[in-house]
Amino acid sequence: MPLVALTGGIASGKSTIARRLAERGAVIVDADAIVRDVQQPGSPVLHSIAAEFGQRMLHADGSLDRAALGAVVFGDPGALARLNAIVHPAVRDESARRFGAAFAADPSAIVVYDVPLLVEARIDDPWDVVVVAHAPAPLRVGRLVELRGMTQAEAEARIGAQVSDDARLSVADVVIDTTGSMEDTVRQTDDLWDRLSI
């Protein structure tokens, strides 16, 4: 029953790897989805965000205005730290609940936590295997421009705001190199699955 952490920078191919692992039978727990779930209207997390950063962080229907919140915390380490102190404990509790539910349903499950902020927030958790999706920053900038319509400057800013590639690679048990074709990434992912399934 391995518990696998899958991480990687923006546009590193992490989602492709997660999709392939799901196709092979892994239970994927998505950190970004949990963040959205714990910030639903009426949730304690959303109440705390509004209390900390102001009611203007909420839309008229009570949902989180992600753009407004992003504008406040992006580039402000102090504000980001205050936000993380609200969100991360709730995400940690909910992810642990989902891991437990997956293993209760199938004790031999391979559970993969798809987590962008592993190094920043969850590196000390008891992972059996840490997998890093990796492609050099210039290639990822190109992907963001080509596939997501960002400008070069926007793409470089997004990558620059994340932890360094070296920091991610330093915690990796397995590195999946996503610089090649989709087929190459899938092949490496299948190799990983075969090792996890032993």
Protein backbone atom coordinates (compact mmCIF):
# COMPACT_ATOMS: atom_id res chain seq x y z
CA MET A 1 0.00 0.00 0.00
CA PRO A 2 2.46 2.64 -1.11
CA LEU A 3 1.67 6.30 -0.54
CA VAL A 4 3.28 8.22 -3.39
CA ALA A 5 3.83 11.97 -3.63
CA LEU A 6 3.84 13.30 -7.21
CA THR A 7 5.10 16.82 -7.67
CA GLY A 8 6.56 19.09 -10.33
CA GLY A 9 6.63 22.72 -11.37
CA ILE A 10 3.96 24.32 -13.50
CA ALA A 11 3.87 22.84 -17.03
CA SER A 12 6.21 20.01 -16.00
CA GLY A 13 3.90 17.24 -17.21
CA LYS A 14 2.70 16.25 -13.75
CA SER A 15 -0.94 16.04 -14.83
CA THR A 16 -0.03 13.72 -17.70
CA ILE A 17 1.74 11.40 -15.25
CA ALA A 18 -1.18 11.50 -12.80
CA ARG A 19 -3.64 10.68 -15.60
CA ARG A 20 -1.56 7.71 -16.71
CA LEU A 21 -1.20 6.38 -13.16
CA ALA A 22 -4.99 6.66 -12.76
CA GLU A 23 -5.45 4.70 -15.99
CA ARG A 24 -3.20 1.98 -14.58
CA GLY A 25 -5.27 1.79 -11.37
CA ALA A 26 -3.80 4.28 -8.90
CA VAL A 27 -6.06 6.22 -6.58
CA ILE A 28 -5.26 9.88 -7.28
CA VAL A 29 -5.77 12.40 -4.50
CA ASP A 30 -5.51 15.88 -6.03
CA ALA A 31 -4.22 18.60 -3.70
CA ASP A 32 -5.61 21.41 -5.88
CA ALA A 33 -9.07 19.82 -5.79
CA ILE A 34 -8.86 19.56 -2.00
CA VAL A 35 -7.92 23.24 -1.78
CA ARG A 36 -11.06 24.11 -3.77
CA ASP A 37 -13.18 21.76 -1.63
CA VAL A 38 -12.05 23.20 1.71
CA GLN A 39 -12.71 26.74 0.39
CA GLN A 40 -16.36 26.12 -0.49
CA PRO A 41 -18.87 28.82 0.50
CA GLY A 42 -19.70 28.58 4.19
CA SER A 43 -16.55 26.61 5.05
CA PRO A 44 -14.42 27.50 8.08
CA VAL A 45 -11.46 28.07 5.74
CA LEU A 46 -13.35 30.58 3.61
CA HIS A 47 -14.64 32.34 6.72
CA SER A 48 -11.04 32.65 7.98
CA ILE A 49 -9.81 33.96 4.62
CA ALA A 50 -12.51 36.66 4.63
CA ALA A 51 -11.69 37.55 8.24
CA GLU A 52 -7.97 37.83 7.46
CA PHE A 53 -8.06 39.54 4.07
CA GLY A 54 -11.49 41.22 3.96
CA GLN A 55 -14.96 40.48 2.63
CA ARG A 56 -13.84 41.74 -0.79
CA MET A 57 -12.21 38.33 -1.22
CA LEU A 58 -15.72 36.89 -1.67
CA HIS A 59 -18.07 37.08 -4.63
CA ALA A 60 -21.67 38.15 -4.05
CA ASP A 61 -22.71 34.47 -3.91
CA GLY A 62 -20.27 33.82 -1.05
CA SER A 63 -17.69 31.96 -3.14
CA LEU A 64 -14.00 32.79 -3.11
CA ASP A 65 -12.79 35.43 -5.56
CA ARG A 66 -9.56 33.67 -6.50
CA ALA A 67 -8.35 36.52 -8.67
CA ALA A 68 -8.77 39.06 -5.86
CA LEU A 69 -7.02 36.81 -3.36
CA GLY A 70 -4.25 36.04 -5.83
CA ALA A 71 -3.67 39.73 -6.42
CA VAL A 72 -3.20 40.24 -2.67
CA VAL A 73 -0.84 37.33 -1.98
CA PHE A 74 1.16 37.01 -5.21
CA GLY A 75 4.53 38.63 -4.60
CA ASP A 76 3.81 39.30 -0.90
CA PRO A 77 5.51 36.57 1.17
CA GLY A 78 3.89 37.77 4.41
CA ALA A 79 0.38 37.66 2.98
CA LEU A 80 1.06 34.29 1.38
CA ALA A 81 2.30 32.91 4.70
CA ARG A 82 -0.90 34.09 6.41
CA LEU A 83 -3.00 32.44 3.71
CA ASN A 84 -1.02 29.20 3.91
CA ALA A 85 -1.46 29.12 7.70
CA ILE A 86 -5.22 29.06 7.09
CA VAL A 87 -5.37 26.69 4.13
CA HIS A 88 -2.57 24.14 4.64
CA PRO A 89 -3.82 22.58 7.92
CA ALA A 90 -7.27 22.02 6.40
CA VAL A 91 -5.75 20.50 3.27
CA ARG A 92 -3.49 18.27 5.36
CA ASP A 93 -6.45 16.98 7.40
CA GLU A 94 -8.65 16.36 4.35
CA SER A 95 -5.87 14.67 2.35
CA ALA A 96 -5.13 12.36 5.30
CA ARG A 97 -8.84 11.50 5.46
CA ARG A 98 -8.85 10.66 1.73
CA PHE A 99 -5.67 8.56 2.00
CA GLY A 100 -7.24 6.64 4.87
CA ALA A 101 -10.49 6.10 2.97
CA ALA A 102 -8.61 4.79 -0.09
CA PHE A 103 -6.59 2.29 1.95
CA ALA A 104 -9.68 1.25 3.92
CA ALA A 105 -11.48 0.51 0.64
CA ASP A 106 -8.48 -1.39 -0.77
CA PRO A 107 -5.55 -2.14 1.56
CA SER A 108 -3.33 -2.90 -1.46
CA ALA A 109 -4.15 0.38 -3.23
CA ILE A 110 -1.44 2.56 -4.70
CA VAL A 111 -2.40 6.06 -3.58
CA VAL A 112 -0.81 9.00 -5.40
CA TYR A 113 -0.98 12.50 -3.92
CA ASP A 114 -0.79 14.98 -6.82
CA VAL A 115 0.71 17.94 -4.95
CA PRO A 116 2.33 21.00 -6.55
CA LEU A 117 3.58 22.42 -3.23
CA LEU A 118 5.24 19.29 -1.87
CA VAL A 119 8.58 20.92 -1.10
CA GLU A 120 6.93 24.05 0.30
CA ALA A 121 4.29 22.41 2.48
CA ARG A 122 4.39 18.60 2.74
CA ILE A 123 7.94 17.33 2.43
CA ASP A 124 8.06 16.00 5.99
CA ASP A 125 5.06 13.71 5.53
CA PRO A 126 5.80 9.95 5.51
CA TRP A 127 5.83 9.31 1.76
CA ASP A 128 6.92 5.89 0.55
CA VAL A 129 8.06 7.32 -2.80
CA VAL A 130 8.50 10.91 -4.02
CA VAL A 131 8.13 11.29 -7.80
CA VAL A 132 9.17 14.51 -9.53
CA ALA A 133 8.02 15.43 -13.03
CA HIS A 134 10.86 17.42 -14.52
CA ALA A 135 11.50 19.55 -17.56
CA PRO A 136 13.90 22.52 -17.73
CA ALA A 137 12.40 25.95 -17.05
CA PRO A 138 12.85 27.31 -20.61
CA LEU A 139 10.86 24.37 -21.99
CA ARG A 140 8.12 24.93 -19.40
CA VAL A 141 7.98 28.62 -20.30
CA GLY A 142 7.43 27.61 -23.92
CA ARG A 143 4.62 25.25 -22.92
CA LEU A 144 2.87 27.97 -20.89
CA VAL A 145 3.08 30.39 -23.80
CA GLU A 146 2.01 27.84 -26.41
CA LEU A 147 -0.58 25.81 -24.48
CA ARG A 148 -1.97 28.27 -21.94
CA GLY A 149 -1.70 31.54 -23.84
CA MET A 150 0.57 33.31 -21.35
CA THR A 151 3.05 35.95 -22.38
CA GLN A 152 6.74 35.14 -21.98
CA ALA A 153 6.91 37.47 -18.96
CA GLU A 154 3.83 35.93 -17.31
CA ALA A 155 5.20 32.43 -17.80
CA GLU A 156 8.60 33.35 -16.40
CA ALA A 157 6.95 35.04 -13.41
CA ARG A 158 4.83 31.97 -12.65
CA ILE A 159 7.84 29.66 -12.79
CA GLY A 160 9.98 32.12 -10.85
CA ALA A 161 7.42 32.23 -8.04
CA GLN A 162 7.72 28.49 -7.46
CA VAL A 163 10.39 26.60 -5.56
CA SER A 164 13.50 25.89 -7.64
CA ASP A 165 13.92 22.79 -9.78
CA ASP A 166 17.00 21.91 -7.72
CA ALA A 167 14.94 21.92 -4.52
CA ARG A 168 12.37 19.57 -6.05
CA LEU A 169 14.98 17.26 -7.57
CA SER A 170 16.81 17.04 -4.23
CA VAL A 171 13.80 15.28 -2.62
CA ALA A 172 13.03 12.93 -5.54
CA ASP A 173 13.17 9.17 -5.27
CA VAL A 174 12.12 8.93 -8.92
CA VAL A 175 12.47 11.60 -11.63
CA ILE A 176 10.30 11.36 -14.73
CA ASP A 177 11.92 13.39 -17.51
CA THR A 178 9.14 15.01 -19.53
CA THR A 179 11.32 16.78 -22.09
CA GLY A 180 10.59 14.17 -24.76
CA SER A 181 7.39 12.99 -26.39
CA MET A 182 4.14 12.20 -24.62
CA GLU A 183 4.81 8.54 -25.40
CA ASP A 184 8.18 8.76 -23.67
CA THR A 185 6.58 10.24 -20.54
CA VAL A 186 3.92 7.53 -20.55
CA ARG A 187 6.58 4.82 -20.93
CA GLN A 188 8.50 6.14 -17.92
CA THR A 189 5.25 6.33 -15.96
CA ASP A 190 4.42 2.73 -16.85
CA ASP A 191 7.89 1.70 -15.64
CA LEU A 192 7.18 3.48 -12.36
CA TRP A 193 3.81 1.72 -12.07
CA ASP A 194 5.46 -1.66 -12.62
CA ARG A 195 7.93 -0.95 -9.80
CA LEU A 196 5.18 0.25 -7.45
CA SER A 197 3.01 -2.78 -8.21
CA ILE A 198 5.57 -5.40 -7.13
